[in-house]
Amino acid sequence: MKQPNLLTMTATNYRRLLIETLEALDLQSVAAMEDAFAQAHQSGNRIFTMGNGGSGASASHAAGDFIKGASYGLDQRFKMICLNDNLPSMMAIANDIGWDDIFVEPLKNYVEPGDVVIGISGSGNSRNVLKAIAYAQSIGAVTIGMTGFSGGKLKSMVDISVHSPADDMEVAEDVHMAVFNMVKKGMMSRLMGDNPSMGSTYDDRVKG
């Protein structure tokens, strides 16, 4: 009797969970996140992202997408900064002050009222993310939490909660990146429309 292909079974189960989680995603929260980006862009405020591990990679990826992809061709561009991109400052803060302060300390250098601060944490309980979000709230920034599992403390403390309702870290990371892409596409549609000189033609340019 032929044994089942365990890789295929794992892939099938993962795909099913990812699809189910995306279908359960609260799109109103995604729309609220897009509105926050639109307001920050219109007013010239900054947008900050942060996270640990894979969430940090998503935070960096998203910032890069808005610095280039969603800003290309615009006179007024997105001011998006990933707080985990400067490794020397992170290491210095972690070594001299503490790991819980690696995001809040650089945030103090830049954040102003009306800015948007996005914390990404699968568990929702990453202390360095929570500390930075609490500080952002104290000075009047708009806070967004991107979580998985039960959402932890982050889900309940932020202004806008974007929650991946699955008990799976990899699925949460995939959903968070998908949400950033949804917001990016939405902002490009709002700001660029069908103007052929704008970044909305990126797909055509890479094909050509």
N, C-alpha and C. Protein backbone atom coordinates (compact mmCIF):
# COMPACT_ATOMS: atom_id res chain seq x y z
N MET A 1 0.85 -1.20 0.00
CA MET A 1 0.00 0.00 0.00
C MET A 1 0.88 1.25 0.00
N LYS A 2 0.57 2.16 -0.90
CA LYS A 2 1.38 3.37 -1.03
C LYS A 2 1.17 4.28 0.17
N GLN A 3 2.29 4.75 0.76
CA GLN A 3 2.22 5.66 1.90
C GLN A 3 1.86 7.07 1.45
N PRO A 4 1.08 7.79 2.23
CA PRO A 4 0.73 9.17 1.85
C PRO A 4 1.97 10.06 1.86
N ASN A 5 1.97 11.01 0.97
CA ASN A 5 3.06 11.99 0.89
C ASN A 5 2.85 13.01 2.00
N LEU A 6 3.70 12.93 3.03
CA LEU A 6 3.52 13.79 4.20
C LEU A 6 3.69 15.26 3.84
N LEU A 7 4.60 15.55 2.90
CA LEU A 7 4.79 16.94 2.48
C LEU A 7 3.53 17.48 1.84
N THR A 8 2.92 16.67 0.99
CA THR A 8 1.69 17.09 0.33
C THR A 8 0.57 17.30 1.35
N MET A 9 0.48 16.40 2.32
CA MET A 9 -0.54 16.53 3.36
C MET A 9 -0.32 17.81 4.17
N THR A 10 0.93 18.08 4.54
CA THR A 10 1.23 19.29 5.30
C THR A 10 0.90 20.53 4.49
N ALA A 11 1.29 20.53 3.22
CA ALA A 11 1.01 21.68 2.36
C ALA A 11 -0.48 21.90 2.19
N THR A 12 -1.22 20.81 2.02
CA THR A 12 -2.67 20.91 1.85
C THR A 12 -3.34 21.48 3.11
N ASN A 13 -2.92 20.97 4.26
CA ASN A 13 -3.49 21.45 5.52
C ASN A 13 -3.14 22.92 5.75
N TYR A 14 -1.90 23.28 5.42
CA TYR A 14 -1.49 24.68 5.61
C TYR A 14 -2.27 25.60 4.69
N ARG A 15 -2.40 25.19 3.43
CA ARG A 15 -3.17 26.01 2.49
C ARG A 15 -4.60 26.19 2.96
N ARG A 16 -5.19 25.11 3.46
CA ARG A 16 -6.58 25.19 3.93
C ARG A 16 -6.70 26.18 5.10
N LEU A 17 -5.76 26.09 6.05
CA LEU A 17 -5.81 26.99 7.20
C LEU A 17 -5.58 28.43 6.78
N LEU A 18 -4.66 28.66 5.85
CA LEU A 18 -4.40 30.02 5.39
C LEU A 18 -5.63 30.61 4.70
N ILE A 19 -6.26 29.84 3.85
CA ILE A 19 -7.46 30.31 3.16
C ILE A 19 -8.58 30.60 4.15
N GLU A 20 -8.78 29.69 5.10
CA GLU A 20 -9.83 29.88 6.10
C GLU A 20 -9.57 31.14 6.94
N THR A 21 -8.30 31.37 7.26
CA THR A 21 -7.96 32.52 8.09
C THR A 21 -8.14 33.82 7.32
N LEU A 22 -7.76 33.83 6.05
CA LEU A 22 -7.96 35.02 5.23
C LEU A 22 -9.45 35.32 5.06
N GLU A 23 -10.24 34.27 4.90
CA GLU A 23 -11.68 34.47 4.74
C GLU A 23 -12.33 34.99 6.02
N ALA A 24 -11.71 34.66 7.17
CA ALA A 24 -12.25 35.11 8.45
C ALA A 24 -11.71 36.49 8.85
N LEU A 25 -10.76 37.01 8.09
CA LEU A 25 -10.16 38.31 8.40
C LEU A 25 -11.21 39.41 8.39
N ASP A 26 -11.17 40.26 9.39
CA ASP A 26 -12.10 41.40 9.48
C ASP A 26 -11.64 42.49 8.52
N LEU A 27 -12.30 42.60 7.38
CA LEU A 27 -11.88 43.58 6.38
C LEU A 27 -12.16 45.02 6.81
N GLN A 28 -13.05 45.20 7.78
CA GLN A 28 -13.28 46.54 8.31
C GLN A 28 -12.03 47.06 9.00
N SER A 29 -11.30 46.17 9.66
CA SER A 29 -10.06 46.59 10.31
C SER A 29 -9.00 46.94 9.27
N VAL A 30 -9.00 46.23 8.15
CA VAL A 30 -8.08 46.55 7.06
C VAL A 30 -8.43 47.92 6.46
N ALA A 31 -9.72 48.18 6.31
CA ALA A 31 -10.16 49.48 5.79
C ALA A 31 -9.78 50.60 6.75
N ALA A 32 -9.89 50.35 8.05
CA ALA A 32 -9.50 51.36 9.04
C ALA A 32 -7.99 51.62 8.97
N MET A 33 -7.22 50.57 8.74
CA MET A 33 -5.78 50.72 8.60
C MET A 33 -5.45 51.54 7.35
N GLU A 34 -6.14 51.27 6.27
CA GLU A 34 -5.93 52.04 5.04
C GLU A 34 -6.27 53.51 5.26
N ASP A 35 -7.36 53.78 5.97
CA ASP A 35 -7.73 55.17 6.26
C ASP A 35 -6.65 55.86 7.10
N ALA A 36 -6.05 55.13 8.02
CA ALA A 36 -4.99 55.70 8.85
C ALA A 36 -3.78 56.04 7.99
N PHE A 37 -3.45 55.19 7.04
CA PHE A 37 -2.35 55.47 6.11
C PHE A 37 -2.68 56.70 5.26
N ALA A 38 -3.92 56.77 4.79
CA ALA A 38 -4.32 57.90 3.95
C ALA A 38 -4.22 59.21 4.71
N GLN A 39 -4.65 59.20 5.97
CA GLN A 39 -4.59 60.41 6.79
C GLN A 39 -3.14 60.81 7.05
N ALA A 40 -2.30 59.83 7.34
CA ALA A 40 -0.88 60.14 7.58
C ALA A 40 -0.23 60.71 6.33
N HIS A 41 -0.55 60.14 5.19
CA HIS A 41 0.02 60.64 3.94
C HIS A 41 -0.45 62.06 3.65
N GLN A 42 -1.73 62.30 3.83
CA GLN A 42 -2.30 63.62 3.55
C GLN A 42 -1.70 64.69 4.46
N SER A 43 -1.50 64.36 5.72
CA SER A 43 -1.02 65.33 6.70
C SER A 43 0.50 65.40 6.79
N GLY A 44 1.18 64.50 6.09
CA GLY A 44 2.64 64.49 6.14
C GLY A 44 3.21 63.82 7.38
N ASN A 45 2.39 63.03 8.06
CA ASN A 45 2.88 62.32 9.25
C ASN A 45 3.66 61.07 8.87
N ARG A 46 4.44 60.57 9.81
CA ARG A 46 5.22 59.37 9.61
C ARG A 46 4.42 58.12 9.99
N ILE A 47 4.84 56.99 9.41
CA ILE A 47 4.28 55.69 9.74
C ILE A 47 5.44 54.80 10.19
N PHE A 48 5.35 54.24 11.39
CA PHE A 48 6.41 53.40 11.93
C PHE A 48 5.95 51.95 12.01
N THR A 49 6.84 51.03 11.70
CA THR A 49 6.56 49.61 11.85
C THR A 49 7.63 48.97 12.74
N MET A 50 7.28 47.85 13.36
CA MET A 50 8.25 47.13 14.21
C MET A 50 7.75 45.73 14.49
N GLY A 51 8.71 44.84 14.75
CA GLY A 51 8.38 43.48 15.12
C GLY A 51 9.64 42.68 15.35
N ASN A 52 9.49 41.51 15.91
CA ASN A 52 10.61 40.61 16.19
C ASN A 52 10.58 39.44 15.22
N GLY A 53 11.76 38.95 14.85
CA GLY A 53 11.83 37.77 14.01
C GLY A 53 11.12 37.96 12.68
N GLY A 54 10.24 36.99 12.33
CA GLY A 54 9.50 37.08 11.09
C GLY A 54 8.63 38.32 11.02
N SER A 55 8.10 38.74 12.16
CA SER A 55 7.30 39.97 12.20
C SER A 55 8.17 41.18 11.88
N GLY A 56 9.44 41.13 12.31
CA GLY A 56 10.36 42.21 11.97
C GLY A 56 10.64 42.25 10.48
N ALA A 57 10.73 41.06 9.86
CA ALA A 57 10.93 41.00 8.42
C ALA A 57 9.72 41.60 7.69
N SER A 58 8.52 41.31 8.17
CA SER A 58 7.31 41.88 7.57
C SER A 58 7.29 43.39 7.74
N ALA A 59 7.72 43.87 8.92
CA ALA A 59 7.76 45.31 9.17
C ALA A 59 8.71 46.00 8.21
N SER A 60 9.86 45.38 7.95
CA SER A 60 10.85 45.94 7.03
C SER A 60 10.35 45.88 5.59
N HIS A 61 9.77 44.75 5.22
CA HIS A 61 9.23 44.57 3.88
C HIS A 61 8.17 45.62 3.57
N ALA A 62 7.26 45.82 4.51
CA ALA A 62 6.18 46.79 4.31
C ALA A 62 6.72 48.20 4.15
N ALA A 63 7.69 48.57 4.99
CA ALA A 63 8.28 49.91 4.88
C ALA A 63 8.91 50.10 3.51
N GLY A 64 9.64 49.09 3.04
CA GLY A 64 10.24 49.18 1.72
C GLY A 64 9.21 49.34 0.62
N ASP A 65 8.10 48.63 0.73
CA ASP A 65 7.04 48.73 -0.27
C ASP A 65 6.45 50.13 -0.35
N PHE A 66 6.32 50.78 0.79
CA PHE A 66 5.71 52.12 0.78
C PHE A 66 6.73 53.20 0.45
N ILE A 67 7.98 52.99 0.79
CA ILE A 67 9.02 53.96 0.43
C ILE A 67 9.17 54.03 -1.08
N LYS A 68 9.11 52.88 -1.72
CA LYS A 68 9.28 52.85 -3.18
C LYS A 68 7.97 52.61 -3.93
N GLY A 69 7.39 51.40 -3.76
CA GLY A 69 6.26 51.01 -4.60
C GLY A 69 5.05 51.91 -4.52
N ALA A 70 4.65 52.29 -3.31
CA ALA A 70 3.45 53.12 -3.14
C ALA A 70 3.76 54.61 -3.23
N SER A 71 5.04 54.97 -3.33
CA SER A 71 5.42 56.38 -3.39
C SER A 71 5.95 56.81 -4.76
N TYR A 72 6.36 55.83 -5.55
CA TYR A 72 6.99 56.15 -6.84
C TYR A 72 6.07 57.02 -7.70
N GLY A 73 6.60 58.14 -8.16
CA GLY A 73 5.83 59.02 -9.04
C GLY A 73 5.00 60.06 -8.32
N LEU A 74 4.94 60.01 -7.00
CA LEU A 74 4.16 60.98 -6.24
C LEU A 74 5.03 62.15 -5.80
N ASP A 75 4.47 63.35 -5.82
CA ASP A 75 5.18 64.50 -5.27
C ASP A 75 5.25 64.40 -3.76
N GLN A 76 4.15 63.99 -3.16
CA GLN A 76 4.11 63.79 -1.71
C GLN A 76 4.17 62.30 -1.43
N ARG A 77 5.23 61.88 -0.78
CA ARG A 77 5.50 60.46 -0.60
C ARG A 77 5.20 59.99 0.82
N PHE A 78 5.14 58.69 0.97
CA PHE A 78 4.93 58.11 2.30
C PHE A 78 6.22 58.19 3.10
N LYS A 79 6.10 58.59 4.36
CA LYS A 79 7.23 58.66 5.27
C LYS A 79 7.13 57.47 6.21
N MET A 80 7.69 56.36 5.80
CA MET A 80 7.53 55.11 6.55
C MET A 80 8.88 54.61 7.03
N ILE A 81 8.98 54.32 8.30
CA ILE A 81 10.23 53.93 8.93
C ILE A 81 10.04 52.63 9.69
N CYS A 82 10.93 51.66 9.44
CA CYS A 82 10.91 50.41 10.20
C CYS A 82 11.90 50.52 11.35
N LEU A 83 11.43 50.37 12.55
CA LEU A 83 12.27 50.57 13.74
C LEU A 83 13.26 49.44 13.98
N ASN A 84 13.08 48.29 13.30
CA ASN A 84 14.05 47.22 13.49
C ASN A 84 15.05 47.11 12.33
N ASP A 85 15.14 48.15 11.52
CA ASP A 85 16.08 48.13 10.40
C ASP A 85 17.49 48.57 10.77
N ASN A 86 17.66 49.32 11.86
CA ASN A 86 18.98 49.82 12.25
C ASN A 86 19.58 48.87 13.29
N LEU A 87 20.33 47.88 12.82
CA LEU A 87 20.86 46.86 13.72
C LEU A 87 21.84 47.42 14.76
N PRO A 88 22.75 48.33 14.39
CA PRO A 88 23.67 48.85 15.41
C PRO A 88 22.95 49.54 16.57
N SER A 89 21.93 50.35 16.26
CA SER A 89 21.22 51.03 17.34
C SER A 89 20.43 50.03 18.19
N MET A 90 19.83 49.02 17.54
CA MET A 90 19.10 48.00 18.29
C MET A 90 20.03 47.26 19.24
N MET A 91 21.21 46.88 18.74
CA MET A 91 22.15 46.13 19.57
C MET A 91 22.68 46.98 20.73
N ALA A 92 22.92 48.25 20.44
CA ALA A 92 23.42 49.15 21.50
C ALA A 92 22.37 49.32 22.59
N ILE A 93 21.11 49.52 22.18
CA ILE A 93 20.04 49.69 23.16
C ILE A 93 19.83 48.41 23.96
N ALA A 94 19.82 47.27 23.26
CA ALA A 94 19.62 45.99 23.94
C ALA A 94 20.74 45.73 24.95
N ASN A 95 21.96 46.06 24.57
CA ASN A 95 23.12 45.80 25.43
C ASN A 95 23.19 46.76 26.61
N ASP A 96 22.93 48.05 26.35
CA ASP A 96 23.15 49.07 27.36
C ASP A 96 21.91 49.39 28.21
N ILE A 97 20.75 49.17 27.64
CA ILE A 97 19.51 49.52 28.33
C ILE A 97 18.65 48.28 28.59
N GLY A 98 18.34 47.55 27.52
CA GLY A 98 17.53 46.35 27.67
C GLY A 98 16.74 46.05 26.42
N TRP A 99 16.49 44.75 26.19
CA TRP A 99 15.78 44.33 24.99
C TRP A 99 14.38 44.94 24.90
N ASP A 100 13.74 45.15 26.01
CA ASP A 100 12.38 45.69 25.99
C ASP A 100 12.33 47.12 25.45
N ASP A 101 13.48 47.78 25.33
CA ASP A 101 13.52 49.18 24.92
C ASP A 101 14.00 49.40 23.49
N ILE A 102 14.21 48.32 22.73
CA ILE A 102 14.82 48.50 21.41
C ILE A 102 13.93 49.26 20.43
N PHE A 103 12.62 49.29 20.65
CA PHE A 103 11.73 50.03 19.78
C PHE A 103 11.32 51.38 20.36
N VAL A 104 11.10 51.42 21.65
CA VAL A 104 10.62 52.66 22.25
C VAL A 104 11.68 53.75 22.22
N GLU A 105 12.95 53.38 22.38
CA GLU A 105 14.00 54.40 22.41
C GLU A 105 14.16 55.13 21.08
N PRO A 106 14.29 54.44 19.93
CA PRO A 106 14.35 55.19 18.67
C PRO A 106 13.04 55.90 18.35
N LEU A 107 11.92 55.31 18.80
CA LEU A 107 10.63 55.95 18.55
C LEU A 107 10.58 57.33 19.20
N LYS A 108 11.18 57.45 20.38
CA LYS A 108 11.22 58.74 21.07
C LYS A 108 11.94 59.81 20.26
N ASN A 109 12.86 59.40 19.40
CA ASN A 109 13.60 60.36 18.57
C ASN A 109 12.73 60.99 17.49
N TYR A 110 11.71 60.26 17.06
CA TYR A 110 10.99 60.67 15.85
C TYR A 110 9.50 60.92 16.01
N VAL A 111 8.81 60.11 16.81
CA VAL A 111 7.35 60.10 16.76
C VAL A 111 6.75 61.40 17.26
N GLU A 112 5.67 61.82 16.59
CA GLU A 112 4.93 63.03 16.92
C GLU A 112 3.44 62.72 16.91
N PRO A 113 2.64 63.57 17.55
CA PRO A 113 1.19 63.37 17.52
C PRO A 113 0.68 63.27 16.08
N GLY A 114 -0.22 62.33 15.85
CA GLY A 114 -0.76 62.15 14.51
C GLY A 114 -0.01 61.13 13.67
N ASP A 115 1.21 60.75 14.08
CA ASP A 115 1.92 59.68 13.39
C ASP A 115 1.19 58.36 13.61
N VAL A 116 1.51 57.37 12.79
CA VAL A 116 0.93 56.03 12.90
C VAL A 116 2.03 55.07 13.34
N VAL A 117 1.78 54.30 14.39
CA VAL A 117 2.76 53.35 14.90
C VAL A 117 2.14 51.95 14.86
N ILE A 118 2.80 51.06 14.12
CA ILE A 118 2.29 49.71 13.90
C ILE A 118 3.18 48.70 14.61
N GLY A 119 2.60 47.97 15.53
CA GLY A 119 3.30 46.89 16.22
C GLY A 119 2.83 45.55 15.71
N ILE A 120 3.78 44.69 15.30
CA ILE A 120 3.45 43.37 14.77
C ILE A 120 3.96 42.32 15.76
N SER A 121 3.07 41.51 16.24
CA SER A 121 3.44 40.47 17.21
C SER A 121 2.46 39.31 17.09
N GLY A 122 2.96 38.15 16.71
CA GLY A 122 2.08 37.00 16.56
C GLY A 122 1.33 36.69 17.85
N SER A 123 2.03 36.70 18.95
CA SER A 123 1.40 36.41 20.25
C SER A 123 0.62 37.59 20.78
N GLY A 124 1.02 38.78 20.38
CA GLY A 124 0.44 40.00 20.93
C GLY A 124 1.00 40.36 22.29
N ASN A 125 2.05 39.67 22.71
CA ASN A 125 2.60 39.90 24.04
C ASN A 125 4.09 40.24 24.04
N SER A 126 4.63 40.61 22.91
CA SER A 126 6.05 41.00 22.85
C SER A 126 6.26 42.29 23.64
N ARG A 127 7.04 42.21 24.70
CA ARG A 127 7.15 43.35 25.62
C ARG A 127 7.74 44.58 24.95
N ASN A 128 8.69 44.39 24.04
CA ASN A 128 9.28 45.56 23.40
C ASN A 128 8.28 46.27 22.48
N VAL A 129 7.39 45.50 21.86
CA VAL A 129 6.34 46.10 21.03
C VAL A 129 5.31 46.81 21.91
N LEU A 130 4.89 46.16 22.98
CA LEU A 130 3.90 46.76 23.87
C LEU A 130 4.40 48.07 24.47
N LYS A 131 5.67 48.11 24.85
CA LYS A 131 6.23 49.31 25.47
C LYS A 131 6.25 50.47 24.47
N ALA A 132 6.59 50.18 23.23
CA ALA A 132 6.62 51.22 22.21
C ALA A 132 5.21 51.71 21.88
N ILE A 133 4.26 50.79 21.82
CA ILE A 133 2.87 51.18 21.54
C ILE A 133 2.32 52.05 22.66
N ALA A 134 2.62 51.69 23.91
CA ALA A 134 2.15 52.48 25.05
C ALA A 134 2.72 53.90 24.98
N TYR A 135 3.99 54.03 24.63
CA TYR A 135 4.58 55.36 24.51
C TYR A 135 3.93 56.14 23.37
N ALA A 136 3.71 55.48 22.23
CA ALA A 136 3.08 56.14 21.10
C ALA A 136 1.71 56.69 21.48
N GLN A 137 0.96 55.91 22.23
CA GLN A 137 -0.36 56.36 22.68
C GLN A 137 -0.25 57.57 23.60
N SER A 138 0.79 57.60 24.42
CA SER A 138 0.94 58.67 25.41
C SER A 138 1.20 60.03 24.76
N ILE A 139 1.73 60.01 23.53
CA ILE A 139 2.01 61.30 22.87
C ILE A 139 1.01 61.61 21.74
N GLY A 140 -0.02 60.76 21.60
CA GLY A 140 -1.08 61.07 20.65
C GLY A 140 -0.91 60.51 19.27
N ALA A 141 -0.13 59.44 19.13
CA ALA A 141 -0.02 58.76 17.83
C ALA A 141 -1.17 57.78 17.66
N VAL A 142 -1.48 57.44 16.42
CA VAL A 142 -2.47 56.41 16.11
C VAL A 142 -1.76 55.07 16.16
N THR A 143 -2.31 54.10 16.88
CA THR A 143 -1.65 52.82 17.05
C THR A 143 -2.42 51.69 16.36
N ILE A 144 -1.66 50.81 15.71
CA ILE A 144 -2.22 49.65 15.02
C ILE A 144 -1.49 48.42 15.52
N GLY A 145 -2.24 47.39 15.88
CA GLY A 145 -1.65 46.12 16.30
C GLY A 145 -2.00 45.02 15.32
N MET A 146 -0.99 44.28 14.88
CA MET A 146 -1.19 43.15 13.98
C MET A 146 -0.80 41.88 14.74
N THR A 147 -1.77 41.02 14.99
CA THR A 147 -1.57 39.89 15.90
C THR A 147 -2.09 38.58 15.32
N GLY A 148 -1.79 37.48 16.03
CA GLY A 148 -2.34 36.17 15.73
C GLY A 148 -2.82 35.54 17.02
N PHE A 149 -3.04 34.21 17.00
CA PHE A 149 -3.48 33.48 18.18
C PHE A 149 -4.67 34.21 18.85
N SER A 150 -4.61 34.50 20.14
CA SER A 150 -5.72 35.19 20.81
C SER A 150 -5.58 36.70 20.72
N GLY A 151 -4.46 37.17 20.23
CA GLY A 151 -4.24 38.62 20.12
C GLY A 151 -3.47 39.22 21.27
N GLY A 152 -3.41 38.49 22.39
CA GLY A 152 -2.65 38.96 23.54
C GLY A 152 -3.04 40.36 24.01
N LYS A 153 -2.11 41.02 24.68
CA LYS A 153 -2.36 42.35 25.21
C LYS A 153 -2.44 43.40 24.11
N LEU A 154 -1.69 43.17 23.03
CA LEU A 154 -1.63 44.17 21.96
C LEU A 154 -2.99 44.40 21.32
N LYS A 155 -3.74 43.33 21.11
CA LYS A 155 -5.03 43.43 20.43
C LYS A 155 -5.98 44.39 21.13
N SER A 156 -5.97 44.37 22.45
CA SER A 156 -6.95 45.16 23.21
C SER A 156 -6.48 46.59 23.49
N MET A 157 -5.19 46.89 23.28
CA MET A 157 -4.71 48.21 23.68
C MET A 157 -4.59 49.20 22.53
N VAL A 158 -4.65 48.71 21.28
CA VAL A 158 -4.40 49.59 20.13
C VAL A 158 -5.69 50.25 19.64
N ASP A 159 -5.52 51.30 18.84
CA ASP A 159 -6.67 51.97 18.23
C ASP A 159 -7.29 51.10 17.13
N ILE A 160 -6.45 50.43 16.36
CA ILE A 160 -6.92 49.58 15.26
C ILE A 160 -6.27 48.22 15.40
N SER A 161 -7.08 47.18 15.52
CA SER A 161 -6.58 45.82 15.68
C SER A 161 -6.80 45.03 14.39
N VAL A 162 -5.71 44.54 13.81
CA VAL A 162 -5.78 43.67 12.64
C VAL A 162 -5.33 42.29 13.10
N HIS A 163 -6.29 41.40 13.24
CA HIS A 163 -6.03 40.12 13.91
C HIS A 163 -6.15 38.95 12.95
N SER A 164 -5.13 38.08 12.97
CA SER A 164 -5.17 36.82 12.22
C SER A 164 -5.74 35.75 13.14
N PRO A 165 -7.00 35.33 12.94
CA PRO A 165 -7.65 34.43 13.90
C PRO A 165 -7.28 32.97 13.70
N ALA A 166 -5.98 32.65 13.86
CA ALA A 166 -5.53 31.27 13.75
C ALA A 166 -4.41 31.04 14.76
N ASP A 167 -4.36 29.85 15.32
CA ASP A 167 -3.30 29.51 16.28
C ASP A 167 -2.09 28.96 15.53
N ASP A 168 -1.53 29.79 14.67
CA ASP A 168 -0.42 29.35 13.84
C ASP A 168 0.43 30.57 13.49
N MET A 169 1.71 30.56 13.89
CA MET A 169 2.56 31.72 13.69
C MET A 169 2.82 32.00 12.21
N GLU A 170 3.07 30.92 11.44
CA GLU A 170 3.37 31.13 10.02
C GLU A 170 2.17 31.72 9.27
N VAL A 171 0.98 31.24 9.60
CA VAL A 171 -0.22 31.78 8.98
C VAL A 171 -0.39 33.25 9.37
N ALA A 172 -0.15 33.58 10.63
CA ALA A 172 -0.25 34.97 11.07
C ALA A 172 0.71 35.86 10.26
N GLU A 173 1.93 35.39 10.07
CA GLU A 173 2.90 36.17 9.31
C GLU A 173 2.45 36.36 7.87
N ASP A 174 1.91 35.31 7.26
CA ASP A 174 1.40 35.42 5.89
C ASP A 174 0.23 36.39 5.80
N VAL A 175 -0.67 36.30 6.76
CA VAL A 175 -1.84 37.18 6.75
C VAL A 175 -1.42 38.64 6.96
N HIS A 176 -0.48 38.87 7.86
CA HIS A 176 -0.03 40.25 8.09
C HIS A 176 0.58 40.85 6.82
N MET A 177 1.38 40.07 6.11
CA MET A 177 1.97 40.59 4.88
C MET A 177 0.91 40.82 3.82
N ALA A 178 -0.08 39.93 3.77
CA ALA A 178 -1.19 40.12 2.83
C ALA A 178 -1.95 41.41 3.14
N VAL A 179 -2.14 41.70 4.42
CA VAL A 179 -2.84 42.92 4.81
C VAL A 179 -2.05 44.15 4.37
N PHE A 180 -0.74 44.15 4.58
CA PHE A 180 0.07 45.27 4.10
C PHE A 180 -0.09 45.44 2.60
N ASN A 181 -0.12 44.33 1.86
CA ASN A 181 -0.29 44.43 0.42
C ASN A 181 -1.68 44.96 0.04
N MET A 182 -2.70 44.57 0.80
CA MET A 182 -4.04 45.12 0.58
C MET A 182 -4.05 46.62 0.76
N VAL A 183 -3.43 47.08 1.85
CA VAL A 183 -3.39 48.52 2.13
C VAL A 183 -2.58 49.24 1.07
N LYS A 184 -1.47 48.66 0.67
CA LYS A 184 -0.64 49.26 -0.37
C LYS A 184 -1.43 49.41 -1.67
N LYS A 185 -2.09 48.33 -2.10
CA LYS A 185 -2.89 48.39 -3.32
C LYS A 185 -4.00 49.44 -3.21
N GLY A 186 -4.63 49.49 -2.02
CA GLY A 186 -5.69 50.48 -1.82
C GLY A 186 -5.18 51.89 -1.91
N MET A 187 -4.01 52.16 -1.31
CA MET A 187 -3.45 53.50 -1.36
C MET A 187 -3.00 53.87 -2.76
N MET A 188 -2.43 52.93 -3.49
CA MET A 188 -2.02 53.20 -4.87
C MET A 188 -3.23 53.54 -5.73
N SER A 189 -4.33 52.82 -5.49
CA SER A 189 -5.56 53.10 -6.24
C SER A 189 -6.10 54.49 -5.92
N ARG A 190 -6.05 54.85 -4.62
CA ARG A 190 -6.54 56.17 -4.21
C ARG A 190 -5.69 57.30 -4.80
N LEU A 191 -4.38 57.13 -4.75
CA LEU A 191 -3.48 58.22 -5.05
C LEU A 191 -3.01 58.27 -6.49
N MET A 192 -3.00 57.12 -7.16
CA MET A 192 -2.42 57.06 -8.49
C MET A 192 -3.43 56.76 -9.58
N GLY A 193 -4.45 56.01 -9.24
CA GLY A 193 -5.46 55.67 -10.23
C GLY A 193 -4.84 54.99 -11.44
N ASP A 194 -5.20 55.46 -12.62
CA ASP A 194 -4.71 54.85 -13.86
C ASP A 194 -3.63 55.70 -14.52
N ASN A 195 -3.05 56.64 -13.79
CA ASN A 195 -2.02 57.49 -14.36
C ASN A 195 -0.83 56.63 -14.78
N PRO A 196 -0.49 56.58 -16.07
CA PRO A 196 0.56 55.68 -16.55
C PRO A 196 1.96 56.05 -16.08
N SER A 197 2.14 57.25 -15.56
CA SER A 197 3.47 57.66 -15.11
C SER A 197 3.72 57.30 -13.65
N MET A 198 2.70 56.73 -12.98
CA MET A 198 2.80 56.47 -11.56
C MET A 198 3.20 55.02 -11.29
N GLY A 199 3.37 54.73 -10.00
CA GLY A 199 3.83 53.41 -9.59
C GLY A 199 2.83 52.30 -9.87
N SER A 200 1.58 52.66 -10.22
CA SER A 200 0.60 51.61 -10.51
C SER A 200 0.97 50.81 -11.75
N THR A 201 1.94 51.31 -12.54
CA THR A 201 2.35 50.59 -13.75
C THR A 201 3.49 49.63 -13.47
N TYR A 202 3.84 49.44 -12.20
CA TYR A 202 4.99 48.60 -11.85
C TYR A 202 4.87 47.20 -12.44
N ASP A 203 3.70 46.58 -12.31
CA ASP A 203 3.53 45.22 -12.83
C ASP A 203 3.81 45.16 -14.32
N ASP A 204 3.35 46.17 -15.05
CA ASP A 204 3.58 46.20 -16.49
C ASP A 204 5.06 46.39 -16.80
N ARG A 205 5.73 47.21 -16.00
CA ARG A 205 7.16 47.48 -16.25
C ARG A 205 8.00 46.24 -16.02
N VAL A 206 7.70 45.46 -14.99
CA VAL A 206 8.51 44.28 -14.73
C VAL A 206 8.22 43.18 -15.76
N LYS A 207 7.03 43.18 -16.31
CA LYS A 207 6.71 42.20 -17.35
C LYS A 207 7.42 42.54 -18.66
N GLY A 208 7.52 43.86 -18.92
CA GLY A 208 8.10 44.31 -20.18
C GLY A 208 9.59 44.17 -20.23
